[in-house]
Amino acid sequence: MAASLVIAALGLAGCGVLVDARADRREAEAARAYPPQGQLLDVGGRTVHAVVTGSGPDLVLIHGASGNTRDFTFQFVDRVKDRYRVIVFDRPGLGYTDRVSPAYEGAARRDAESPAEQAILLQAAAAQLGADTPLVLGHSYGGAVALAWALERPDDLSGLVIVSGASNPWDGGLGFTYNLTATRAGGVLAVPLITAFASESVIKGAVASIFEPQSPPEGYLEYVGAPLTLRRDSVRANGRQVNTLKPHVTEMATRYDQITVPTEIVHGTADEVVPLAVHSEPLSRQIPGAYLVALDGIGHMPHHVAPDEVVAAIDRAATRAGLR
């Protein structure tokens, strides 16, 4: 019996080694295929990846969950760089930006960056680039980070644009995958399997579900760098950030009436990822003077499927802020 247990343990250990080796190879391939597009800044000892282009008033773009700078540089940046200096950041733990929170810093430390911690790091990075009071646009989870920027650094931005933003508490949970990858056991056991074996069809299906009821633009899947998100550290960071978001937005929502910068909100009526009625409709009432554009029949990715409406919101915020 003891010998059987030893053999079984050695077999499991061997499987773990093989999984880790395959995950190592896939992570190396992702880095080669999707290198940093911009510059790597040292911000208080943390690396922050920033893509900077264009000229005019400063505009910061903050991507959502499972994303990176490529979500905006695919096509959207080209629509605004003729009249804004555009700064696109990788959020902490994703793309090529370091985590804010060291992993497992004592039993009492939750291992996830809050929207406020992320906002403070990105605001410092923007200031390092000379963007002292930019317009700040956040999409999806990035919307929560943009809102935290306005709450935590109110003198360090000119206006807000929230696109399909997660802003208010919701009923229920987030599903099995997020719950699994956010745990320590899931991070150790399940995440390496995801990195090693996630198939092209699984990735394609996940991207398609984010765009529903629309479809991803031609070439988006090949460009966006989904393999970067499937790296083990990024899967863990993303899962923990999303899984701990609700208490943060619950607290933040009690302070939205303190936001005084011009705020434009764009949200699709068919968004089932971050529903309009739960998030942006109440947000439009919580922020004094906020203006909401509800896009009929549009899902979670307006900056790709209805980009003119998002650009118009940026221009309105700039005009209201006296930047145009």
C-alpha atoms as a PDB file:
ATOM      1  CA  MET A   1       0.000   0.000   0.000  1.00  0.00           C
ATOM      2  CA  ALA A   2       2.761   2.438   0.947  1.00  0.00           C
ATOM      3  CA  ALA A   3       4.635   1.627  -2.245  1.00  0.00           C
ATOM      4  CA  SER A   4       1.486   2.297  -4.307  1.00  0.00           C
ATOM      5  CA  LEU A   5       1.068   5.705  -2.670  1.00  0.00           C
ATOM      6  CA  VAL A   6       4.691   6.582  -3.397  1.00  0.00           C
ATOM      7  CA  ILE A   7       4.298   5.569  -7.048  1.00  0.00           C
ATOM      8  CA  ALA A   8       1.091   7.605  -7.343  1.00  0.00           C
ATOM      9  CA  ALA A   9       2.768  10.630  -5.770  1.00  0.00           C
ATOM     10  CA  LEU A  10       5.700  10.366  -8.148  1.00  0.00           C
ATOM     11  CA  GLY A  11       3.279  10.098 -11.069  1.00  0.00           C
ATOM     12  CA  LEU A  12       1.441  13.267 -10.014  1.00  0.00           C
ATOM     13  CA  ALA A  13       4.733  15.088  -9.543  1.00  0.00           C
ATOM     14  CA  GLY A  14       5.832  14.007 -13.002  1.00  0.00           C
ATOM     15  CA  CYS A  15       2.575  15.288 -14.511  1.00  0.00           C
ATOM     16  CA  GLY A  16       3.120  18.590 -12.744  1.00  0.00           C
ATOM     17  CA  VAL A  17       6.592  18.909 -14.218  1.00  0.00           C
ATOM     18  CA  LEU A  18       5.259  18.216 -17.717  1.00  0.00           C
ATOM     19  CA  VAL A  19       2.431  20.760 -17.308  1.00  0.00           C
ATOM     20  CA  ASP A  20       4.837  23.411 -16.060  1.00  0.00           C
ATOM     21  CA  ALA A  21       7.228  22.736 -18.947  1.00  0.00           C
ATOM     22  CA  ARG A  22       4.424  23.130 -21.492  1.00  0.00           C
ATOM     23  CA  ALA A  23       3.225  26.285 -19.721  1.00  0.00           C
ATOM     24  CA  ASP A  24       6.786  27.677 -19.802  1.00  0.00           C
ATOM     25  CA  ARG A  25       6.947  27.108 -23.556  1.00  0.00           C
ATOM     26  CA  ARG A  26       3.598  28.748 -24.216  1.00  0.00           C
ATOM     27  CA  GLU A  27       4.499  31.777 -22.089  1.00  0.00           C
ATOM     28  CA  ALA A  28       7.792  32.172 -23.964  1.00  0.00           C
ATOM     29  CA  GLU A  29       5.945  31.921 -27.274  1.00  0.00           C
ATOM     30  CA  ALA A  30       3.459  34.589 -26.120  1.00  0.00           C
ATOM     31  CA  ALA A  31       6.270  36.977 -25.194  1.00  0.00           C
ATOM     32  CA  ARG A  32       7.953  36.474 -28.581  1.00  0.00           C
ATOM     33  CA  ALA A  33       4.728  36.879 -30.554  1.00  0.00           C
ATOM     34  CA  TYR A  34       3.408  39.853 -28.563  1.00  0.00           C
ATOM     35  CA  PRO A  35       6.287  41.963 -27.236  1.00  0.00           C
ATOM     36  CA  PRO A  36       5.715  45.329 -25.528  1.00  0.00           C
ATOM     37  CA  GLN A  37       4.392  47.911 -27.986  1.00  0.00           C
ATOM     38  CA  GLY A  38       5.554  50.923 -26.008  1.00  0.00           C
ATOM     39  CA  GLN A  39       7.920  51.953 -23.260  1.00  0.00           C
ATOM     40  CA  LEU A  40       8.524  50.325 -19.894  1.00  0.00           C
ATOM     41  CA  LEU A  41       8.499  52.917 -17.127  1.00  0.00           C
ATOM     42  CA  ASP A  42       9.968  52.516 -13.647  1.00  0.00           C
ATOM     43  CA  VAL A  43       7.309  53.941 -11.334  1.00  0.00           C
ATOM     44  CA  GLY A  44       8.315  53.612  -7.713  1.00  0.00           C
ATOM     45  CA  GLY A  45      10.071  50.329  -8.412  1.00  0.00           C
ATOM     46  CA  ARG A  46       7.185  48.888 -10.461  1.00  0.00           C
ATOM     47  CA  THR A  47       7.328  48.453 -14.225  1.00  0.00           C
ATOM     48  CA  VAL A  48       4.442  50.087 -16.092  1.00  0.00           C
ATOM     49  CA  HIS A  49       3.966  49.489 -19.819  1.00  0.00           C
ATOM     50  CA  ALA A  50       2.745  52.578 -21.695  1.00  0.00           C
ATOM     51  CA  VAL A  51       2.064  53.167 -25.381  1.00  0.00           C
ATOM     52  CA  VAL A  52       2.208  56.891 -26.179  1.00  0.00           C
ATOM     53  CA  THR A  53       1.250  58.420 -29.535  1.00  0.00           C
ATOM     54  CA  GLY A  54      -0.396  61.456 -31.085  1.00  0.00           C
ATOM     55  CA  SER A  55      -0.549  65.095 -30.038  1.00  0.00           C
ATOM     56  CA  GLY A  56      -2.996  67.362 -28.266  1.00  0.00           C
ATOM     57  CA  PRO A  57      -4.662  67.163 -24.835  1.00  0.00           C
ATOM     58  CA  ASP A  58      -3.655  64.065 -22.886  1.00  0.00           C
ATOM     59  CA  LEU A  59      -6.020  61.085 -23.056  1.00  0.00           C
ATOM     60  CA  VAL A  60      -5.377  57.976 -20.927  1.00  0.00           C
ATOM     61  CA  LEU A  61      -7.013  54.680 -21.966  1.00  0.00           C
ATOM     62  CA  ILE A  62      -7.430  51.874 -19.392  1.00  0.00           C
ATOM     63  CA  HIS A  63      -8.428  48.408 -20.589  1.00  0.00           C
ATOM     64  CA  GLY A  64     -10.732  45.896 -18.930  1.00  0.00           C
ATOM     65  CA  ALA A  65     -10.343  42.411 -17.451  1.00  0.00           C
ATOM     66  CA  SER A  66      -8.241  39.895 -19.390  1.00  0.00           C
ATOM     67  CA  GLY A  67      -6.961  42.714 -21.591  1.00  0.00           C
ATOM     68  CA  ASN A  68      -3.844  44.690 -22.445  1.00  0.00           C
ATOM     69  CA  THR A  69      -2.841  47.739 -24.488  1.00  0.00           C
ATOM     70  CA  ARG A  70      -3.587  45.911 -27.730  1.00  0.00           C
ATOM     71  CA  ASP A  71      -7.338  46.116 -27.142  1.00  0.00           C
ATOM     72  CA  PHE A  72      -7.073  49.870 -27.761  1.00  0.00           C
ATOM     73  CA  THR A  73      -4.146  49.954 -30.193  1.00  0.00           C
ATOM     74  CA  PHE A  74      -5.916  47.529 -32.567  1.00  0.00           C
ATOM     75  CA  GLN A  75      -7.905  50.340 -34.210  1.00  0.00           C
ATOM     76  CA  PHE A  76      -9.260  52.766 -31.652  1.00  0.00           C
ATOM     77  CA  VAL A  77      -6.090  54.763 -30.980  1.00  0.00           C
ATOM     78  CA  ASP A  78      -5.877  55.632 -34.674  1.00  0.00           C
ATOM     79  CA  ARG A  79      -9.269  57.347 -34.399  1.00  0.00           C
ATOM     80  CA  VAL A  80      -8.138  59.838 -31.753  1.00  0.00           C
ATOM     81  CA  LYS A  81      -4.382  60.297 -32.070  1.00  0.00           C
ATOM     82  CA  ASP A  82      -4.793  63.137 -34.570  1.00  0.00           C
ATOM     83  CA  ARG A  83      -6.110  65.446 -31.824  1.00  0.00           C
ATOM     84  CA  TYR A  84      -5.092  63.850 -28.501  1.00  0.00           C
ATOM     85  CA  ARG A  85      -1.824  62.636 -27.063  1.00  0.00           C
ATOM     86  CA  VAL A  86      -2.961  59.115 -26.284  1.00  0.00           C
ATOM     87  CA  ILE A  87      -1.457  57.093 -23.430  1.00  0.00           C
ATOM     88  CA  VAL A  88      -2.506  53.448 -23.230  1.00  0.00           C
ATOM     89  CA  PHE A  89      -1.504  51.517 -20.115  1.00  0.00           C
ATOM     90  CA  ASP A  90      -1.371  47.841 -19.265  1.00  0.00           C
ATOM     91  CA  ARG A  91      -3.133  47.490 -15.928  1.00  0.00           C
ATOM     92  CA  PRO A  92      -1.149  45.931 -13.055  1.00  0.00           C
ATOM     93  CA  GLY A  93      -0.581  42.208 -13.484  1.00  0.00           C
ATOM     94  CA  LEU A  94      -1.628  42.222 -17.131  1.00  0.00           C
ATOM     95  CA  GLY A  95       0.387  42.760 -20.287  1.00  0.00           C
ATOM     96  CA  TYR A  96       3.783  44.052 -19.201  1.00  0.00           C
ATOM     97  CA  THR A  97       2.869  46.026 -16.081  1.00  0.00           C
ATOM     98  CA  ASP A  98       3.951  44.660 -12.696  1.00  0.00           C
ATOM     99  CA  ARG A  99       1.588  43.725  -9.925  1.00  0.00           C
ATOM    100  CA  VAL A 100       1.038  46.333  -7.230  1.00  0.00           C
ATOM    101  CA  SER A 101       0.497  43.753  -4.499  1.00  0.00           C
ATOM    102  CA  PRO A 102       3.224  41.168  -3.884  1.00  0.00           C
ATOM    103  CA  ALA A 103       1.848  37.646  -3.845  1.00  0.00           C
ATOM    104  CA  TYR A 104       0.794  36.279  -0.464  1.00  0.00           C
ATOM    105  CA  GLU A 105       2.182  39.053   1.705  1.00  0.00           C
ATOM    106  CA  GLY A 106       1.032  37.455   4.949  1.00  0.00           C
ATOM    107  CA  ALA A 107      -2.213  35.676   5.748  1.00  0.00           C
ATOM    108  CA  ALA A 108      -4.160  38.892   6.298  1.00  0.00           C
ATOM    109  CA  ARG A 109      -3.295  40.381   2.904  1.00  0.00           C
ATOM    110  CA  ARG A 110      -5.801  39.787   0.083  1.00  0.00           C
ATOM    111  CA  ASP A 111      -3.755  39.046  -2.990  1.00  0.00           C
ATOM    112  CA  ALA A 112      -5.350  41.471  -5.440  1.00  0.00           C
ATOM    113  CA  GLU A 113      -4.848  45.086  -6.391  1.00  0.00           C
ATOM    114  CA  SER A 114      -7.840  47.268  -5.641  1.00  0.00           C
ATOM    115  CA  PRO A 115      -9.053  49.727  -8.296  1.00  0.00           C
ATOM    116  CA  ALA A 116      -7.649  52.503  -6.087  1.00  0.00           C
ATOM    117  CA  GLU A 117      -4.180  50.924  -5.926  1.00  0.00           C
ATOM    118  CA  GLN A 118      -4.176  50.478  -9.685  1.00  0.00           C
ATOM    119  CA  ALA A 119      -5.355  54.045 -10.259  1.00  0.00           C
ATOM    120  CA  ILE A 120      -2.652  55.491  -8.003  1.00  0.00           C
ATOM    121  CA  LEU A 121       0.079  53.592  -9.861  1.00  0.00           C
ATOM    122  CA  LEU A 122      -1.229  54.564 -13.299  1.00  0.00           C
ATOM    123  CA  GLN A 123      -1.708  58.196 -12.275  1.00  0.00           C
ATOM    124  CA  ALA A 124       1.924  58.311 -11.155  1.00  0.00           C
ATOM    125  CA  ALA A 125       2.958  56.785 -14.486  1.00  0.00           C
ATOM    126  CA  ALA A 126       0.902  59.380 -16.384  1.00  0.00           C
ATOM    127  CA  ALA A 127       2.506  62.186 -14.385  1.00  0.00           C
ATOM    128  CA  GLN A 128       5.944  60.761 -15.208  1.00  0.00           C
ATOM    129  CA  LEU A 129       4.985  61.083 -18.874  1.00  0.00           C
ATOM    130  CA  GLY A 130       3.992  64.721 -18.334  1.00  0.00           C
ATOM    131  CA  ALA A 131       0.236  64.059 -18.303  1.00  0.00           C
ATOM    132  CA  ASP A 132      -0.687  65.907 -15.113  1.00  0.00           C
ATOM    133  CA  THR A 133      -4.430  66.326 -15.754  1.00  0.00           C
ATOM    134  CA  PRO A 134      -5.446  63.957 -18.566  1.00  0.00           C
ATOM    135  CA  LEU A 135      -8.849  62.867 -19.682  1.00  0.00           C
ATOM    136  CA  VAL A 136      -9.194  59.309 -18.366  1.00  0.00           C
ATOM    137  CA  LEU A 137     -11.201  56.653 -20.201  1.00  0.00           C
ATOM    138  CA  GLY A 138     -11.830  53.264 -18.631  1.00  0.00           C
ATOM    139  CA  HIS A 139     -13.510  50.263 -20.258  1.00  0.00           C
ATOM    140  CA  SER A 140     -15.212  47.509 -18.229  1.00  0.00           C
ATOM    141  CA  TYR A 141     -12.988  46.770 -15.177  1.00  0.00           C
ATOM    142  CA  GLY A 142     -10.917  49.732 -16.353  1.00  0.00           C
ATOM    143  CA  GLY A 143     -13.994  51.850 -15.708  1.00  0.00           C
ATOM    144  CA  ALA A 144     -13.698  51.047 -12.014  1.00  0.00           C
ATOM    145  CA  VAL A 145     -10.026  52.063 -12.136  1.00  0.00           C
ATOM    146  CA  ALA A 146     -10.896  55.339 -13.895  1.00  0.00           C
ATOM    147  CA  LEU A 147     -13.545  56.089 -11.268  1.00  0.00           C
ATOM    148  CA  ALA A 148     -11.046  55.309  -8.510  1.00  0.00           C
ATOM    149  CA  TRP A 149      -8.613  57.741 -10.183  1.00  0.00           C
ATOM    150  CA  ALA A 150     -11.257  60.478  -9.910  1.00  0.00           C
ATOM    151  CA  LEU A 151     -11.901  59.606  -6.258  1.00  0.00           C
ATOM    152  CA  GLU A 152      -8.308  59.122  -5.115  1.00  0.00           C
ATOM    153  CA  ARG A 153      -6.558  61.726  -7.287  1.00  0.00           C
ATOM    154  CA  PRO A 154      -9.310  64.299  -7.984  1.00  0.00           C
ATOM    155  CA  ASP A 155      -6.847  67.075  -8.884  1.00  0.00           C
ATOM    156  CA  ASP A 156      -4.968  64.886 -11.358  1.00  0.00           C
ATOM    157  CA  LEU A 157      -7.471  64.519 -14.206  1.00  0.00           C
ATOM    158  CA  SER A 158      -9.618  66.810 -16.354  1.00  0.00           C
ATOM    159  CA  GLY A 159     -12.524  64.527 -17.178  1.00  0.00           C
ATOM    160  CA  LEU A 160     -13.858  60.978 -17.206  1.00  0.00           C
ATOM    161  CA  VAL A 161     -15.186  58.745 -19.960  1.00  0.00           C
ATOM    162  CA  ILE A 162     -16.633  55.454 -18.709  1.00  0.00           C
ATOM    163  CA  VAL A 163     -17.298  52.824 -21.392  1.00  0.00           C
ATOM    164  CA  SER A 164     -19.268  49.733 -20.325  1.00  0.00           C
ATOM    165  CA  GLY A 165     -17.771  50.355 -16.900  1.00  0.00           C
ATOM    166  CA  ALA A 166     -18.131  48.186 -13.805  1.00  0.00           C
ATOM    167  CA  SER A 167     -19.214  50.765 -11.244  1.00  0.00           C
ATOM    168  CA  ASN A 168     -21.826  49.365  -8.864  1.00  0.00           C
ATOM    169  CA  PRO A 169     -22.452  46.165  -6.879  1.00  0.00           C
ATOM    170  CA  TRP A 170     -24.325  43.366  -8.603  1.00  0.00           C
ATOM    171  CA  ASP A 171     -26.346  40.354  -7.480  1.00  0.00           C
ATOM    172  CA  GLY A 172     -24.782  36.896  -7.596  1.00  0.00           C
ATOM    173  CA  GLY A 173     -21.267  35.709  -8.327  1.00  0.00           C
ATOM    174  CA  LEU A 174     -18.937  35.651 -11.297  1.00  0.00           C
ATOM    175  CA  GLY A 175     -18.981  32.036 -12.364  1.00  0.00           C
ATOM    176  CA  PHE A 176     -16.854  28.962 -11.804  1.00  0.00           C
ATOM    177  CA  THR A 177     -13.700  29.987 -13.674  1.00  0.00           C
ATOM    178  CA  TYR A 178     -13.190  33.287 -11.854  1.00  0.00           C
ATOM    179  CA  ASN A 179     -13.960  31.668  -8.513  1.00  0.00           C
ATOM    180  CA  LEU A 180     -11.460  28.887  -9.213  1.00  0.00           C
ATOM    181  CA  THR A 181      -8.561  30.997 -10.496  1.00  0.00           C
ATOM    182  CA  ALA A 182      -8.965  33.464  -7.627  1.00  0.00           C
ATOM    183  CA  THR A 183      -8.245  30.827  -4.971  1.00  0.00           C
ATOM    184  CA  ARG A 184      -4.795  29.723  -3.825  1.00  0.00           C
ATOM    185  CA  ALA A 185      -5.534  26.102  -4.631  1.00  0.00           C
ATOM    186  CA  GLY A 186      -6.878  27.010  -8.066  1.00  0.00           C
ATOM    187  CA  GLY A 187      -3.879  29.240  -8.689  1.00  0.00           C
ATOM    188  CA  VAL A 188      -1.519  26.370  -7.948  1.00  0.00           C
ATOM    189  CA  LEU A 189      -3.399  23.493  -9.571  1.00  0.00           C
ATOM    190  CA  ALA A 190      -5.789  24.796 -12.242  1.00  0.00           C
ATOM    191  CA  VAL A 191      -4.001  27.843 -13.631  1.00  0.00           C
ATOM    192  CA  PRO A 192      -0.965  25.926 -15.007  1.00  0.00           C
ATOM    193  CA  LEU A 193      -3.395  23.612 -16.824  1.00  0.00           C
ATOM    194  CA  ILE A 194      -5.175  26.628 -18.364  1.00  0.00           C
ATOM    195  CA  THR A 195      -1.874  28.111 -19.500  1.00  0.00           C
ATOM    196  CA  ALA A 196      -0.609  24.819 -20.866  1.00  0.00           C
ATOM    197  CA  PHE A 197      -3.706  23.514 -22.624  1.00  0.00           C
ATOM    198  CA  ALA A 198      -6.194  26.321 -23.438  1.00  0.00           C
ATOM    199  CA  SER A 199      -7.026  25.693 -27.090  1.00  0.00           C
ATOM    200  CA  GLU A 200      -7.489  28.119 -29.957  1.00  0.00           C
ATOM    201  CA  SER A 201     -11.196  27.260 -30.067  1.00  0.00           C
ATOM    202  CA  VAL A 202     -11.599  28.041 -26.359  1.00  0.00           C
ATOM    203  CA  ILE A 203      -9.847  31.400 -26.804  1.00  0.00           C
ATOM    204  CA  LYS A 204     -11.927  32.204 -29.874  1.00  0.00           C
ATOM    205  CA  GLY A 205     -15.131  31.348 -28.033  1.00  0.00           C
ATOM    206  CA  ALA A 206     -14.195  33.486 -25.036  1.00  0.00           C
ATOM    207  CA  VAL A 207     -13.450  36.512 -27.228  1.00  0.00           C
ATOM    208  CA  ALA A 208     -16.660  36.024 -29.193  1.00  0.00           C
ATOM    209  CA  SER A 209     -18.712  35.926 -25.990  1.00  0.00           C
ATOM    210  CA  ILE A 210     -17.305  39.304 -24.901  1.00  0.00           C
ATOM    211  CA  PHE A 211     -18.463  40.917 -28.163  1.00  0.00           C
ATOM    212  CA  GLU A 212     -21.973  39.405 -28.268  1.00  0.00           C
ATOM    213  CA  PRO A 213     -24.394  40.178 -29.854  1.00  0.00           C
ATOM    214  CA  GLN A 214     -21.816  41.679 -32.243  1.00  0.00           C
ATOM    215  CA  SER A 215     -18.742  39.876 -33.585  1.00  0.00           C
ATOM    216  CA  PRO A 216     -15.055  40.719 -33.146  1.00  0.00           C
ATOM    217  CA  PRO A 217     -13.619  42.833 -35.964  1.00  0.00           C
ATOM    218  CA  GLU A 218     -11.618  40.988 -38.581  1.00  0.00           C
ATOM    219  CA  GLY A 219      -8.060  40.485 -37.365  1.00  0.00           C
ATOM    220  CA  TYR A 220      -8.810  41.324 -33.728  1.00  0.00           C
ATOM    221  CA  LEU A 221      -8.238  37.840 -32.326  1.00  0.00           C
ATOM    222  CA  GLU A 222      -4.856  37.526 -34.016  1.00  0.00           C
ATOM    223  CA  TYR A 223      -3.765  40.991 -32.903  1.00  0.00           C
ATOM    224  CA  VAL A 224      -4.979  41.321 -29.321  1.00  0.00           C
ATOM    225  CA  GLY A 225      -2.531  38.925 -27.710  1.00  0.00           C
ATOM    226  CA  ALA A 226      -4.804  36.604 -25.767  1.00  0.00           C
ATOM    227  CA  PRO A 227      -1.812  34.338 -24.985  1.00  0.00           C
ATOM    228  CA  LEU A 228      -0.408  37.164 -22.834  1.00  0.00           C
ATOM    229  CA  THR A 229      -3.499  36.937 -20.632  1.00  0.00           C
ATOM    230  CA  LEU A 230      -3.112  33.165 -20.404  1.00  0.00           C
ATOM    231  CA  ARG A 231       0.290  33.391 -18.712  1.00  0.00           C
ATOM    232  CA  ARG A 232       0.058  31.950 -15.215  1.00  0.00           C
ATOM    233  CA  ASP A 233       0.746  35.152 -13.299  1.00  0.00           C
ATOM    234  CA  SER A 234      -1.719  37.097 -15.453  1.00  0.00           C
ATOM    235  CA  VAL A 235      -4.485  34.497 -15.036  1.00  0.00           C
ATOM    236  CA  ARG A 236      -4.009  34.628 -11.269  1.00  0.00           C
ATOM    237  CA  ALA A 237      -3.883  38.420 -11.130  1.00  0.00           C
ATOM    238  CA  ASN A 238      -6.925  38.816 -13.354  1.00  0.00           C
ATOM    239  CA  GLY A 239      -8.972  36.248 -11.444  1.00  0.00           C
ATOM    240  CA  ARG A 240      -8.202  37.765  -8.061  1.00  0.00           C
ATOM    241  CA  GLN A 241      -8.821  41.336  -9.190  1.00  0.00           C
ATOM    242  CA  VAL A 242     -12.200  40.522 -10.715  1.00  0.00           C
ATOM    243  CA  ASN A 243     -13.228  38.250  -7.862  1.00  0.00           C
ATOM    244  CA  THR A 244     -12.558  40.985  -5.283  1.00  0.00           C
ATOM    245  CA  LEU A 245     -14.061  43.875  -7.262  1.00  0.00           C
ATOM    246  CA  LYS A 246     -17.577  43.895  -5.795  1.00  0.00           C
ATOM    247  CA  PRO A 247     -16.707  45.140  -2.274  1.00  0.00           C
ATOM    248  CA  HIS A 248     -14.564  47.883  -3.796  1.00  0.00           C
ATOM    249  CA  VAL A 249     -17.287  49.249  -6.073  1.00  0.00           C
ATOM    250  CA  THR A 250     -19.792  48.903  -3.227  1.00  0.00           C
ATOM    251  CA  GLU A 251     -17.689  51.299  -1.165  1.00  0.00           C
ATOM    252  CA  MET A 252     -16.803  53.529  -4.118  1.00  0.00           C
ATOM    253  CA  ALA A 253     -20.462  53.968  -5.043  1.00  0.00           C
ATOM    254  CA  THR A 254     -21.074  55.788  -1.753  1.00  0.00           C
ATOM    255  CA  ARG A 255     -18.574  58.465  -2.874  1.00  0.00           C
ATOM    256  CA  TYR A 256     -19.408  59.008  -6.533  1.00  0.00           C
ATOM    257  CA  ASP A 257     -21.212  62.225  -5.632  1.00  0.00           C
ATOM    258  CA  GLN A 258     -17.761  63.643  -4.810  1.00  0.00           C
ATOM    259  CA  ILE A 259     -16.651  63.425  -8.461  1.00  0.00           C
ATOM    260  CA  THR A 260     -16.677  66.918  -9.937  1.00  0.00           C
ATOM    261  CA  VAL A 261     -14.911  66.514 -13.309  1.00  0.00           C
ATOM    262  CA  PRO A 262     -17.001  66.318 -16.506  1.00  0.00           C
ATOM    263  CA  THR A 263     -18.136  62.726 -16.899  1.00  0.00           C
ATOM    264  CA  GLU A 264     -19.392  60.997 -20.038  1.00  0.00           C
ATOM    265  CA  ILE A 265     -20.769  57.454 -19.908  1.00  0.00           C
ATOM    266  CA  VAL A 266     -21.262  55.129 -22.889  1.00  0.00           C
ATOM    267  CA  HIS A 267     -22.926  51.739 -22.478  1.00  0.00           C
ATOM    268  CA  GLY A 268     -24.707  49.230 -24.727  1.00  0.00           C
ATOM    269  CA  THR A 269     -28.242  48.159 -23.939  1.00  0.00           C
ATOM    270  CA  ALA A 270     -27.399  44.557 -24.945  1.00  0.00           C
ATOM    271  CA  ASP A 271     -24.348  44.290 -22.661  1.00  0.00           C
ATOM    272  CA  GLU A 272     -24.734  41.100 -20.621  1.00  0.00           C
ATOM    273  CA  VAL A 273     -21.171  41.147 -19.269  1.00  0.00           C
ATOM    274  CA  VAL A 274     -21.589  44.427 -17.348  1.00  0.00           C
ATOM    275  CA  PRO A 275     -25.317  45.202 -17.569  1.00  0.00           C
ATOM    276  CA  LEU A 276     -26.367  48.789 -18.230  1.00  0.00           C
ATOM    277  CA  ALA A 277     -29.194  48.767 -15.671  1.00  0.00           C
ATOM    278  CA  VAL A 278     -26.891  47.607 -12.869  1.00  0.00           C
ATOM    279  CA  HIS A 279     -23.931  49.865 -13.582  1.00  0.00           C
ATOM    280  CA  SER A 280     -24.145  52.896 -15.860  1.00  0.00           C
ATOM    281  CA  GLU A 281     -27.773  53.853 -15.314  1.00  0.00           C
ATOM    282  CA  PRO A 282     -27.270  54.330 -11.562  1.00  0.00           C
ATOM    283  CA  LEU A 283     -23.804  55.814 -12.151  1.00  0.00           C
ATOM    284  CA  SER A 284     -25.330  58.531 -14.326  1.00  0.00           C
ATOM    285  CA  ARG A 285     -27.418  59.573 -11.317  1.00  0.00           C
ATOM    286  CA  GLN A 286     -24.625  59.207  -8.756  1.00  0.00           C
ATOM    287  CA  ILE A 287     -22.137  61.584 -10.436  1.00  0.00           C
ATOM    288  CA  PRO A 288     -23.370  65.179 -10.609  1.00  0.00           C
ATOM    289  CA  GLY A 289     -23.703  66.306 -14.219  1.00  0.00           C
ATOM    290  CA  ALA A 290     -22.819  62.927 -15.734  1.00  0.00           C
ATOM    291  CA  TYR A 291     -24.157  62.339 -19.246  1.00  0.00           C
ATOM    292  CA  LEU A 292     -25.156  58.813 -20.330  1.00  0.00           C
ATOM    293  CA  VAL A 293     -25.409  57.565 -23.905  1.00  0.00           C
ATOM    294  CA  ALA A 294     -27.164  54.182 -24.072  1.00  0.00           C
ATOM    295  CA  LEU A 295     -26.381  52.440 -27.366  1.00  0.00           C
ATOM    296  CA  ASP A 296     -29.358  50.424 -28.561  1.00  0.00           C
ATOM    297  CA  GLY A 297     -28.504  46.783 -29.297  1.00  0.00           C
ATOM    298  CA  ILE A 298     -24.791  47.174 -28.612  1.00  0.00           C
ATOM    299  CA  GLY A 299     -22.938  44.718 -26.384  1.00  0.00           C
ATOM    300  CA  HIS A 300     -19.867  45.058 -24.178  1.00  0.00           C
ATOM    301  CA  MET A 301     -17.345  46.435 -26.714  1.00  0.00           C
ATOM    302  CA  PRO A 302     -18.613  49.816 -27.989  1.00  0.00           C
ATOM    303  CA  HIS A 303     -15.124  51.125 -28.702  1.00  0.00           C
ATOM    304  CA  HIS A 304     -14.870  48.458 -31.412  1.00  0.00           C
ATOM    305  CA  VAL A 305     -18.436  48.142 -32.719  1.00  0.00           C
ATOM    306  CA  ALA A 306     -19.648  51.744 -32.179  1.00  0.00           C
ATOM    307  CA  PRO A 307     -16.370  53.691 -32.022  1.00  0.00           C
ATOM    308  CA  ASP A 308     -17.813  56.963 -33.314  1.00  0.00           C
ATOM    309  CA  GLU A 309     -20.052  57.188 -30.235  1.00  0.00           C
ATOM    310  CA  VAL A 310     -17.071  56.666 -27.933  1.00  0.00           C
ATOM    311  CA  VAL A 311     -14.996  59.259 -29.782  1.00  0.00           C
ATOM    312  CA  ALA A 312     -17.905  61.702 -29.531  1.00  0.00           C
ATOM    313  CA  ALA A 313     -18.035  61.123 -25.761  1.00  0.00           C
ATOM    314  CA  ILE A 314     -14.301  61.857 -25.492  1.00  0.00           C
ATOM    315  CA  ASP A 315     -14.743  65.056 -27.479  1.00  0.00           C
ATOM    316  CA  ARG A 316     -17.674  66.141 -25.284  1.00  0.00           C
ATOM    317  CA  ALA A 317     -15.641  65.527 -22.129  1.00  0.00           C
ATOM    318  CA  ALA A 318     -12.734  67.492 -23.591  1.00  0.00           C
ATOM    319  CA  THR A 319     -15.005  70.386 -24.511  1.00  0.00           C
ATOM    320  CA  ARG A 320     -16.681  70.399 -21.098  1.00  0.00           C
ATOM    321  CA  ALA A 321     -13.238  70.361 -19.463  1.00  0.00           C
ATOM    322  CA  GLY A 322     -12.108  73.337 -21.558  1.00  0.00           C
ATOM    323  CA  LEU A 323      -9.483  71.336 -23.442  1.00  0.00           C
ATOM    324  CA  ARG A 324     -10.971  71.948 -26.934  1.00  0.00           C
END
